[in-house]
N, C-alpha and C. Protein backbone atom coordinates (compact mmCIF):
# COMPACT_ATOMS: atom_id res chain seq x y z
N MET A 1 109.46 93.99 110.54
CA MET A 1 110.58 93.05 110.47
C MET A 1 111.25 93.09 109.10
N ILE A 2 110.44 93.23 108.05
CA ILE A 2 111.02 93.25 106.71
C ILE A 2 111.97 94.43 106.56
N GLY A 3 111.53 95.61 106.98
CA GLY A 3 112.37 96.79 106.89
C GLY A 3 113.62 96.67 107.74
N ALA A 4 113.48 96.12 108.95
CA ALA A 4 114.62 95.97 109.84
C ALA A 4 115.65 95.01 109.24
N LEU A 5 115.17 93.89 108.73
CA LEU A 5 116.10 92.93 108.14
C LEU A 5 116.76 93.48 106.88
N LEU A 6 116.00 94.20 106.05
CA LEU A 6 116.61 94.81 104.87
C LEU A 6 117.63 95.88 105.25
N GLY A 7 117.33 96.65 106.29
CA GLY A 7 118.26 97.69 106.74
C GLY A 7 119.54 97.11 107.30
N VAL A 8 119.42 96.08 108.13
CA VAL A 8 120.61 95.43 108.68
C VAL A 8 121.38 94.74 107.55
N GLY A 9 120.65 94.11 106.64
CA GLY A 9 121.30 93.48 105.49
C GLY A 9 122.06 94.49 104.65
N ALA A 10 121.48 95.68 104.47
CA ALA A 10 122.16 96.72 103.71
C ALA A 10 123.44 97.18 104.42
N ALA A 11 123.38 97.27 105.74
CA ALA A 11 124.55 97.72 106.50
C ALA A 11 125.72 96.74 106.39
N TYR A 12 125.41 95.46 106.24
CA TYR A 12 126.45 94.43 106.18
C TYR A 12 126.68 93.89 104.77
N SER A 13 126.07 94.50 103.77
CA SER A 13 126.21 94.03 102.39
C SER A 13 127.39 94.71 101.70
N PRO A 14 127.81 94.12 100.58
CA PRO A 14 128.81 94.81 99.76
C PRO A 14 128.23 96.15 99.27
N PRO A 15 129.08 97.11 98.99
CA PRO A 15 128.59 98.46 98.64
C PRO A 15 127.58 98.50 97.49
N LEU A 16 127.75 97.66 96.50
CA LEU A 16 126.82 97.68 95.36
C LEU A 16 125.42 97.22 95.77
N LEU A 17 125.34 96.16 96.55
CA LEU A 17 124.04 95.68 97.02
C LEU A 17 123.42 96.67 98.01
N GLU A 18 124.26 97.24 98.87
CA GLU A 18 123.75 98.26 99.81
C GLU A 18 123.15 99.43 99.05
N ARG A 19 123.82 99.89 98.02
CA ARG A 19 123.33 101.02 97.22
C ARG A 19 122.03 100.65 96.53
N ALA A 20 121.91 99.41 96.04
CA ALA A 20 120.67 98.98 95.37
C ALA A 20 119.50 98.99 96.36
N ILE A 21 119.74 98.50 97.57
CA ILE A 21 118.68 98.51 98.59
C ILE A 21 118.28 99.94 98.92
N LEU A 22 119.26 100.82 99.06
CA LEU A 22 118.96 102.22 99.38
C LEU A 22 118.23 102.92 98.24
N VAL A 23 118.54 102.56 97.01
CA VAL A 23 117.83 103.15 95.87
C VAL A 23 116.36 102.72 95.88
N VAL A 24 116.10 101.46 96.21
CA VAL A 24 114.71 101.00 96.31
C VAL A 24 114.00 101.74 97.45
N PHE A 25 114.67 101.92 98.58
CA PHE A 25 114.09 102.69 99.69
C PHE A 25 113.77 104.11 99.23
N ASP A 26 114.71 104.74 98.52
CA ASP A 26 114.50 106.10 98.03
C ASP A 26 113.35 106.17 97.03
N LEU A 27 113.26 105.17 96.18
CA LEU A 27 112.20 105.14 95.18
C LEU A 27 110.83 105.06 95.84
N VAL A 28 110.68 104.17 96.81
CA VAL A 28 109.40 104.04 97.50
C VAL A 28 109.11 105.29 98.32
N SER A 29 110.13 105.84 98.97
CA SER A 29 109.93 107.02 99.82
C SER A 29 109.67 108.29 99.02
N SER A 30 110.02 108.31 97.76
CA SER A 30 109.86 109.53 96.97
C SER A 30 108.41 109.84 96.64
N TYR A 31 107.54 108.85 96.73
CA TYR A 31 106.12 109.08 96.46
C TYR A 31 105.40 109.42 97.75
N PRO A 32 104.46 110.36 97.70
CA PRO A 32 103.64 110.61 98.89
C PRO A 32 102.89 109.34 99.29
N THR A 33 102.74 109.15 100.60
CA THR A 33 102.16 107.92 101.14
C THR A 33 100.79 107.63 100.55
N VAL A 34 99.94 108.63 100.52
CA VAL A 34 98.56 108.42 100.05
C VAL A 34 98.54 108.08 98.56
N ILE A 35 99.37 108.76 97.78
CA ILE A 35 99.41 108.50 96.33
C ILE A 35 99.91 107.09 96.06
N LEU A 36 100.96 106.69 96.77
CA LEU A 36 101.49 105.33 96.61
C LEU A 36 100.46 104.30 97.04
N ALA A 37 99.77 104.57 98.15
CA ALA A 37 98.73 103.65 98.62
C ALA A 37 97.60 103.54 97.60
N LEU A 38 97.17 104.67 97.04
CA LEU A 38 96.12 104.63 96.03
C LEU A 38 96.55 103.86 94.79
N ALA A 39 97.81 104.02 94.40
CA ALA A 39 98.31 103.29 93.23
C ALA A 39 98.31 101.78 93.49
N PHE A 40 98.78 101.38 94.68
CA PHE A 40 98.80 99.95 95.01
C PHE A 40 97.40 99.37 95.09
N VAL A 41 96.48 100.11 95.71
CA VAL A 41 95.11 99.62 95.82
C VAL A 41 94.46 99.55 94.44
N ALA A 42 94.80 100.49 93.56
CA ALA A 42 94.26 100.44 92.20
C ALA A 42 94.73 99.20 91.46
N VAL A 43 95.96 98.78 91.72
CA VAL A 43 96.50 97.59 91.07
C VAL A 43 96.02 96.31 91.75
N LEU A 44 96.08 96.28 93.08
CA LEU A 44 95.77 95.07 93.83
C LEU A 44 94.28 94.90 94.12
N GLY A 45 93.55 96.01 94.20
CA GLY A 45 92.14 95.96 94.56
C GLY A 45 91.95 96.18 96.05
N PRO A 46 90.73 96.49 96.46
CA PRO A 46 90.47 96.72 97.89
C PRO A 46 90.43 95.43 98.68
N GLY A 47 90.59 95.55 99.98
CA GLY A 47 90.53 94.40 100.88
C GLY A 47 91.56 94.50 101.97
N VAL A 48 91.36 93.73 103.01
CA VAL A 48 92.24 93.78 104.18
C VAL A 48 93.65 93.30 103.83
N THR A 49 93.75 92.21 103.12
CA THR A 49 95.07 91.67 102.77
C THR A 49 95.85 92.66 101.92
N ASN A 50 95.20 93.24 100.94
CA ASN A 50 95.87 94.21 100.08
C ASN A 50 96.24 95.47 100.86
N LEU A 51 95.42 95.83 101.82
CA LEU A 51 95.73 96.99 102.67
C LEU A 51 96.98 96.72 103.51
N ILE A 52 97.12 95.51 104.00
CA ILE A 52 98.32 95.14 104.77
C ILE A 52 99.56 95.20 103.87
N VAL A 53 99.42 94.73 102.63
CA VAL A 53 100.54 94.80 101.67
C VAL A 53 100.92 96.25 101.41
N VAL A 54 99.91 97.10 101.22
CA VAL A 54 100.16 98.53 100.95
C VAL A 54 100.90 99.17 102.13
N VAL A 55 100.41 98.95 103.34
CA VAL A 55 101.05 99.53 104.52
C VAL A 55 102.47 99.02 104.66
N THR A 56 102.68 97.75 104.42
CA THR A 56 104.02 97.17 104.52
C THR A 56 104.97 97.84 103.53
N VAL A 57 104.56 97.92 102.28
CA VAL A 57 105.43 98.50 101.24
C VAL A 57 105.71 99.97 101.54
N VAL A 58 104.72 100.69 101.99
CA VAL A 58 104.88 102.12 102.23
C VAL A 58 105.84 102.40 103.39
N PHE A 59 105.82 101.56 104.44
CA PHE A 59 106.61 101.85 105.62
C PHE A 59 107.91 101.08 105.73
N VAL A 60 108.18 100.13 104.86
CA VAL A 60 109.45 99.38 104.90
C VAL A 60 110.67 100.30 104.79
N PRO A 61 110.68 101.30 103.91
CA PRO A 61 111.89 102.15 103.83
C PRO A 61 112.22 102.89 105.12
N GLN A 62 111.20 103.34 105.84
CA GLN A 62 111.47 104.04 107.10
C GLN A 62 112.17 103.12 108.10
N PHE A 63 111.63 101.94 108.25
CA PHE A 63 112.21 100.98 109.20
C PHE A 63 113.58 100.52 108.71
N GLY A 64 113.73 100.35 107.41
CA GLY A 64 115.02 99.93 106.86
C GLY A 64 116.10 100.96 107.08
N ARG A 65 115.78 102.22 106.90
CA ARG A 65 116.78 103.27 107.09
C ARG A 65 117.19 103.39 108.56
N VAL A 66 116.21 103.31 109.48
CA VAL A 66 116.54 103.38 110.90
C VAL A 66 117.39 102.18 111.31
N ALA A 67 117.01 100.99 110.86
CA ALA A 67 117.77 99.78 111.19
C ALA A 67 119.18 99.84 110.62
N ARG A 68 119.32 100.35 109.41
CA ARG A 68 120.64 100.47 108.79
C ARG A 68 121.51 101.44 109.57
N ALA A 69 120.96 102.57 109.94
CA ALA A 69 121.73 103.57 110.70
C ALA A 69 122.17 103.01 112.05
N GLN A 70 121.28 102.31 112.72
CA GLN A 70 121.62 101.73 114.02
C GLN A 70 122.67 100.62 113.86
N ALA A 71 122.51 99.81 112.82
CA ALA A 71 123.48 98.73 112.58
C ALA A 71 124.85 99.29 112.24
N LEU A 72 124.89 100.36 111.45
CA LEU A 72 126.18 100.98 111.13
C LEU A 72 126.83 101.57 112.38
N ALA A 73 126.03 102.11 113.28
CA ALA A 73 126.57 102.66 114.53
C ALA A 73 127.15 101.57 115.42
N LEU A 74 126.55 100.38 115.37
CA LEU A 74 127.01 99.28 116.22
C LEU A 74 128.04 98.38 115.55
N ARG A 75 128.21 98.53 114.27
CA ARG A 75 129.01 97.60 113.47
C ARG A 75 130.41 97.35 114.01
N HIS A 76 131.08 98.38 114.47
CA HIS A 76 132.46 98.23 114.92
C HIS A 76 132.59 98.35 116.43
N ARG A 77 131.52 98.10 117.15
CA ARG A 77 131.57 98.10 118.60
C ARG A 77 132.32 96.85 119.07
N SER A 78 132.96 96.97 120.20
CA SER A 78 133.85 95.89 120.67
C SER A 78 133.10 94.59 120.95
N PHE A 79 131.86 94.64 121.44
CA PHE A 79 131.17 93.39 121.74
C PHE A 79 130.83 92.62 120.47
N LEU A 80 130.58 93.31 119.36
CA LEU A 80 130.33 92.60 118.10
C LEU A 80 131.63 92.07 117.51
N GLU A 81 132.70 92.84 117.63
CA GLU A 81 133.99 92.36 117.15
C GLU A 81 134.46 91.15 117.95
N ALA A 82 134.16 91.14 119.25
CA ALA A 82 134.52 89.99 120.09
C ALA A 82 133.76 88.75 119.65
N GLU A 83 132.51 88.90 119.31
CA GLU A 83 131.71 87.77 118.82
C GLU A 83 132.29 87.22 117.52
N VAL A 84 132.72 88.09 116.63
CA VAL A 84 133.32 87.64 115.37
C VAL A 84 134.62 86.90 115.65
N ILE A 85 135.42 87.41 116.58
CA ILE A 85 136.72 86.80 116.90
C ILE A 85 136.54 85.40 117.49
N ILE A 86 135.53 85.23 118.34
CA ILE A 86 135.35 83.90 118.94
C ILE A 86 134.62 82.94 118.00
N GLY A 87 134.27 83.41 116.81
CA GLY A 87 133.70 82.53 115.80
C GLY A 87 132.19 82.39 115.82
N ALA A 88 131.49 83.37 116.35
CA ALA A 88 130.02 83.32 116.36
C ALA A 88 129.50 83.42 114.93
N SER A 89 128.45 82.71 114.66
CA SER A 89 127.87 82.73 113.32
C SER A 89 127.17 84.07 113.07
N PRO A 90 127.06 84.48 111.82
CA PRO A 90 126.34 85.73 111.51
C PRO A 90 124.90 85.72 112.02
N THR A 91 124.26 84.56 112.00
CA THR A 91 122.89 84.46 112.51
C THR A 91 122.85 84.74 114.00
N ARG A 92 123.79 84.19 114.74
CA ARG A 92 123.85 84.44 116.19
C ARG A 92 124.10 85.92 116.46
N ILE A 93 125.03 86.50 115.74
CA ILE A 93 125.34 87.91 115.93
C ILE A 93 124.11 88.76 115.63
N LEU A 94 123.40 88.42 114.56
CA LEU A 94 122.22 89.19 114.17
C LEU A 94 121.12 89.10 115.22
N PHE A 95 120.75 87.88 115.61
CA PHE A 95 119.58 87.70 116.47
C PHE A 95 119.87 87.84 117.96
N HIS A 96 121.11 87.63 118.40
CA HIS A 96 121.40 87.72 119.83
C HIS A 96 122.06 89.03 120.24
N HIS A 97 122.65 89.74 119.29
CA HIS A 97 123.38 90.94 119.67
C HIS A 97 122.92 92.18 118.91
N LEU A 98 122.78 92.08 117.61
CA LEU A 98 122.47 93.27 116.81
C LEU A 98 120.99 93.68 116.95
N LEU A 99 120.08 92.77 116.65
CA LEU A 99 118.65 93.12 116.72
C LEU A 99 118.19 93.56 118.11
N PRO A 100 118.62 92.91 119.20
CA PRO A 100 118.20 93.42 120.51
C PRO A 100 118.69 94.84 120.80
N ASN A 101 119.80 95.24 120.20
CA ASN A 101 120.33 96.58 120.43
C ASN A 101 119.70 97.64 119.55
N ILE A 102 119.05 97.25 118.46
CA ILE A 102 118.43 98.24 117.58
C ILE A 102 116.90 98.23 117.68
N ILE A 103 116.35 97.34 118.47
CA ILE A 103 114.89 97.19 118.52
C ILE A 103 114.21 98.41 119.16
N GLY A 104 114.86 99.07 120.09
CA GLY A 104 114.26 100.22 120.77
C GLY A 104 113.81 101.32 119.82
N PRO A 105 114.71 101.86 119.00
CA PRO A 105 114.29 102.89 118.05
C PRO A 105 113.23 102.39 117.05
N LEU A 106 113.28 101.11 116.70
CA LEU A 106 112.28 100.57 115.78
C LEU A 106 110.90 100.50 116.43
N ILE A 107 110.86 100.17 117.72
CA ILE A 107 109.57 100.15 118.42
C ILE A 107 109.00 101.56 118.53
N VAL A 108 109.86 102.53 118.81
CA VAL A 108 109.41 103.92 118.86
C VAL A 108 108.88 104.35 117.51
N LEU A 109 109.59 104.02 116.44
CA LEU A 109 109.13 104.37 115.10
C LEU A 109 107.79 103.71 114.79
N ALA A 110 107.64 102.46 115.18
CA ALA A 110 106.37 101.76 114.94
C ALA A 110 105.23 102.43 115.69
N SER A 111 105.47 102.80 116.95
CA SER A 111 104.40 103.44 117.72
C SER A 111 104.08 104.82 117.18
N MET A 112 105.06 105.51 116.62
CA MET A 112 104.80 106.82 116.03
C MET A 112 104.10 106.70 114.67
N ASN A 113 104.22 105.55 114.01
CA ASN A 113 103.56 105.36 112.72
C ASN A 113 102.14 104.83 112.84
N VAL A 114 101.73 104.36 114.00
CA VAL A 114 100.38 103.83 114.17
C VAL A 114 99.32 104.86 113.79
N PRO A 115 99.42 106.13 114.24
CA PRO A 115 98.40 107.10 113.82
C PRO A 115 98.35 107.31 112.30
N THR A 116 99.50 107.27 111.66
CA THR A 116 99.54 107.42 110.21
C THR A 116 98.86 106.25 109.52
N VAL A 117 99.10 105.04 110.03
CA VAL A 117 98.47 103.85 109.46
C VAL A 117 96.96 103.89 109.66
N ILE A 118 96.54 104.29 110.86
CA ILE A 118 95.10 104.39 111.13
C ILE A 118 94.45 105.39 110.18
N THR A 119 95.08 106.54 110.01
CA THR A 119 94.54 107.57 109.13
C THR A 119 94.54 107.11 107.68
N LEU A 120 95.60 106.45 107.25
CA LEU A 120 95.67 105.93 105.88
C LEU A 120 94.56 104.92 105.63
N GLU A 121 94.38 104.00 106.57
CA GLU A 121 93.31 102.99 106.42
C GLU A 121 91.95 103.65 106.39
N ALA A 122 91.73 104.63 107.27
CA ALA A 122 90.43 105.31 107.31
C ALA A 122 90.18 106.07 106.01
N GLY A 123 91.20 106.71 105.49
CA GLY A 123 91.04 107.43 104.23
C GLY A 123 90.73 106.51 103.06
N LEU A 124 91.45 105.40 102.98
CA LEU A 124 91.18 104.45 101.91
C LEU A 124 89.80 103.82 102.06
N SER A 125 89.41 103.52 103.29
CA SER A 125 88.08 102.93 103.51
C SER A 125 86.98 103.94 103.23
N PHE A 126 87.22 105.21 103.53
CA PHE A 126 86.26 106.26 103.21
C PHE A 126 86.01 106.32 101.71
N LEU A 127 87.07 106.12 100.94
CA LEU A 127 86.95 106.14 99.48
C LEU A 127 86.44 104.82 98.92
N GLY A 128 86.25 103.82 99.78
CA GLY A 128 85.79 102.51 99.33
C GLY A 128 86.90 101.62 98.83
N LEU A 129 88.15 101.96 99.14
CA LEU A 129 89.30 101.22 98.65
C LEU A 129 90.02 100.43 99.74
N GLY A 130 89.54 100.50 100.96
CA GLY A 130 90.20 99.82 102.07
C GLY A 130 89.42 98.62 102.53
N VAL A 131 89.10 98.61 103.80
CA VAL A 131 88.36 97.51 104.41
C VAL A 131 86.93 97.53 103.88
N ARG A 132 86.45 96.39 103.45
CA ARG A 132 85.10 96.29 102.87
C ARG A 132 84.11 95.79 103.91
N PRO A 133 82.86 96.25 103.82
CA PRO A 133 81.81 95.70 104.70
C PRO A 133 81.69 94.20 104.47
N PRO A 134 81.41 93.44 105.45
CA PRO A 134 80.86 93.73 106.77
C PRO A 134 81.91 94.05 107.83
N LEU A 135 83.20 94.10 107.50
CA LEU A 135 84.21 94.46 108.48
C LEU A 135 84.08 95.95 108.82
N ALA A 136 84.33 96.29 110.06
CA ALA A 136 84.18 97.67 110.51
C ALA A 136 85.45 98.46 110.25
N SER A 137 85.27 99.73 109.92
CA SER A 137 86.37 100.66 109.72
C SER A 137 85.86 102.05 110.02
N TRP A 138 86.70 102.88 110.62
CA TRP A 138 86.28 104.25 110.88
C TRP A 138 86.03 104.99 109.57
N GLY A 139 86.81 104.68 108.55
CA GLY A 139 86.60 105.33 107.26
C GLY A 139 85.25 104.99 106.65
N SER A 140 84.86 103.72 106.72
CA SER A 140 83.55 103.35 106.17
C SER A 140 82.42 103.90 107.04
N MET A 141 82.64 103.99 108.36
CA MET A 141 81.64 104.61 109.23
C MET A 141 81.49 106.09 108.92
N LEU A 142 82.61 106.76 108.66
CA LEU A 142 82.55 108.16 108.27
C LEU A 142 81.80 108.33 106.95
N TYR A 143 82.06 107.44 106.01
CA TYR A 143 81.39 107.52 104.72
C TYR A 143 79.89 107.30 104.87
N ASP A 144 79.50 106.29 105.65
CA ASP A 144 78.07 106.03 105.88
C ASP A 144 77.41 107.23 106.56
N GLY A 145 78.09 107.82 107.53
CA GLY A 145 77.55 109.01 108.18
C GLY A 145 77.48 110.19 107.24
N PHE A 146 78.47 110.32 106.36
CA PHE A 146 78.48 111.39 105.37
C PHE A 146 77.31 111.27 104.41
N LEU A 147 76.99 110.05 104.01
CA LEU A 147 75.85 109.84 103.11
C LEU A 147 74.54 110.24 103.76
N ASN A 148 74.45 110.08 105.07
CA ASN A 148 73.21 110.38 105.80
C ASN A 148 73.35 111.64 106.65
N LEU A 149 74.22 112.53 106.26
CA LEU A 149 74.50 113.72 107.05
C LEU A 149 73.28 114.63 107.19
N ASN A 150 72.43 114.67 106.17
CA ASN A 150 71.24 115.53 106.24
C ASN A 150 70.20 114.99 107.23
N GLN A 151 70.29 113.72 107.60
CA GLN A 151 69.33 113.13 108.55
C GLN A 151 69.86 113.23 109.99
N ALA A 152 71.14 112.96 110.19
CA ALA A 152 71.73 113.02 111.53
C ALA A 152 73.24 113.19 111.41
N ALA A 153 73.78 114.07 112.22
CA ALA A 153 75.22 114.34 112.18
C ALA A 153 76.00 113.48 113.16
N TRP A 154 75.32 112.84 114.11
CA TRP A 154 76.05 112.15 115.16
C TRP A 154 76.91 110.98 114.68
N PRO A 155 76.52 110.21 113.63
CA PRO A 155 77.45 109.15 113.20
C PRO A 155 78.81 109.68 112.73
N VAL A 156 78.79 110.82 112.06
CA VAL A 156 80.04 111.42 111.60
C VAL A 156 80.83 111.95 112.80
N VAL A 157 80.15 112.61 113.71
CA VAL A 157 80.83 113.19 114.86
C VAL A 157 81.45 112.10 115.74
N VAL A 158 80.69 111.03 115.99
CA VAL A 158 81.20 109.96 116.85
C VAL A 158 82.37 109.24 116.20
N SER A 159 82.24 108.87 114.94
CA SER A 159 83.33 108.14 114.29
C SER A 159 84.55 109.03 114.09
N ALA A 160 84.36 110.30 113.75
CA ALA A 160 85.50 111.22 113.60
C ALA A 160 86.16 111.46 114.96
N GLY A 161 85.34 111.57 116.01
CA GLY A 161 85.90 111.74 117.35
C GLY A 161 86.71 110.54 117.79
N ALA A 162 86.19 109.35 117.53
CA ALA A 162 86.92 108.13 117.89
C ALA A 162 88.23 108.03 117.11
N LEU A 163 88.18 108.36 115.84
CA LEU A 163 89.38 108.35 115.01
C LEU A 163 90.40 109.36 115.53
N SER A 164 89.95 110.54 115.87
CA SER A 164 90.84 111.57 116.40
C SER A 164 91.45 111.16 117.74
N LEU A 165 90.64 110.61 118.62
CA LEU A 165 91.16 110.17 119.93
C LEU A 165 92.16 109.04 119.78
N ALA A 166 91.90 108.11 118.89
CA ALA A 166 92.82 106.99 118.69
C ALA A 166 94.17 107.49 118.14
N THR A 167 94.13 108.36 117.15
CA THR A 167 95.39 108.85 116.59
C THR A 167 96.13 109.72 117.60
N LEU A 168 95.42 110.55 118.34
CA LEU A 168 96.06 111.36 119.37
C LEU A 168 96.65 110.48 120.47
N GLY A 169 95.91 109.47 120.89
CA GLY A 169 96.40 108.56 121.92
C GLY A 169 97.66 107.84 121.51
N PHE A 170 97.69 107.33 120.29
CA PHE A 170 98.90 106.62 119.84
C PHE A 170 100.06 107.58 119.64
N THR A 171 99.79 108.82 119.24
CA THR A 171 100.86 109.81 119.11
C THR A 171 101.47 110.10 120.46
N LEU A 172 100.63 110.33 121.46
CA LEU A 172 101.14 110.58 122.81
C LEU A 172 101.87 109.36 123.38
N PHE A 173 101.35 108.17 123.08
CA PHE A 173 102.03 106.95 123.52
C PHE A 173 103.41 106.84 122.88
N GLY A 174 103.51 107.14 121.60
CA GLY A 174 104.80 107.08 120.91
C GLY A 174 105.80 108.08 121.48
N GLU A 175 105.32 109.29 121.80
CA GLU A 175 106.22 110.28 122.38
C GLU A 175 106.66 109.87 123.78
N ALA A 176 105.75 109.30 124.57
CA ALA A 176 106.11 108.83 125.90
C ALA A 176 107.10 107.67 125.81
N LEU A 177 106.87 106.78 124.88
CA LEU A 177 107.78 105.65 124.69
C LEU A 177 109.16 106.14 124.27
N GLN A 178 109.20 107.14 123.41
CA GLN A 178 110.48 107.70 123.00
C GLN A 178 111.20 108.33 124.18
N ALA A 179 110.46 109.01 125.05
CA ALA A 179 111.07 109.63 126.23
C ALA A 179 111.64 108.57 127.18
N VAL A 180 110.99 107.41 127.27
CA VAL A 180 111.46 106.35 128.14
C VAL A 180 112.68 105.65 127.54
N ILE A 181 112.64 105.37 126.25
CA ILE A 181 113.73 104.64 125.61
C ILE A 181 114.97 105.51 125.43
N ASP A 182 114.78 106.79 125.08
CA ASP A 182 115.91 107.67 124.84
C ASP A 182 115.70 109.00 125.57
N PRO A 183 115.87 109.01 126.90
CA PRO A 183 115.55 110.23 127.67
C PRO A 183 116.44 111.41 127.35
N LEU A 184 117.71 111.18 126.99
CA LEU A 184 118.60 112.30 126.70
C LEU A 184 118.19 113.03 125.44
N ARG A 185 117.79 112.30 124.42
CA ARG A 185 117.36 112.92 123.16
C ARG A 185 116.07 113.69 123.36
N HIS A 186 115.19 113.16 124.20
CA HIS A 186 113.91 113.81 124.43
C HIS A 186 114.08 115.14 125.19
N GLU A 187 115.07 115.24 126.08
CA GLU A 187 115.30 116.48 126.81
C GLU A 187 115.77 117.59 125.90
N ASP A 188 116.51 117.26 124.83
CA ASP A 188 117.04 118.27 123.92
C ASP A 188 115.95 118.90 123.07
N SER A 189 114.88 118.16 122.80
CA SER A 189 113.86 118.70 121.90
C SER A 189 112.78 119.45 122.62
């Protein structure tokens, strides 16, 4: 939601504010995801709340750019201009007309990012920088199995298999969702 609102806000902002928002998006996007996540965790410390903050900051620019592009495409459509002419408030236009029309691509983007988030969390937890025990994480399970690899390999195999199946499943779900929401674009690729 933060990225979507910032993206729509950028599309409807004065050029200077729009450029400032885009520069912040570019700045965050210029760092590799894992490096940025490690930097944030180093500053904030490990934990679930900090992991949520890291994931939010890392993925806001993607959602903001998609929302901005969709809002710019819809900006001069006749149904939005009609709403402005009849005196609809900007809040009504945003929540009743603009967001419902741009939510589809944002949902597809979210479903395609789930495997990346799962992998990022598992990697940070494997390093001891993500979810802390007693909470469960595939990364911490992989680490525990790695420590005891000379005794039994099955904890590593099972947790890595579950992690792989989850990321593959969400990837396939995201592609199927994209095919349903935008069938013409999916046929071209």
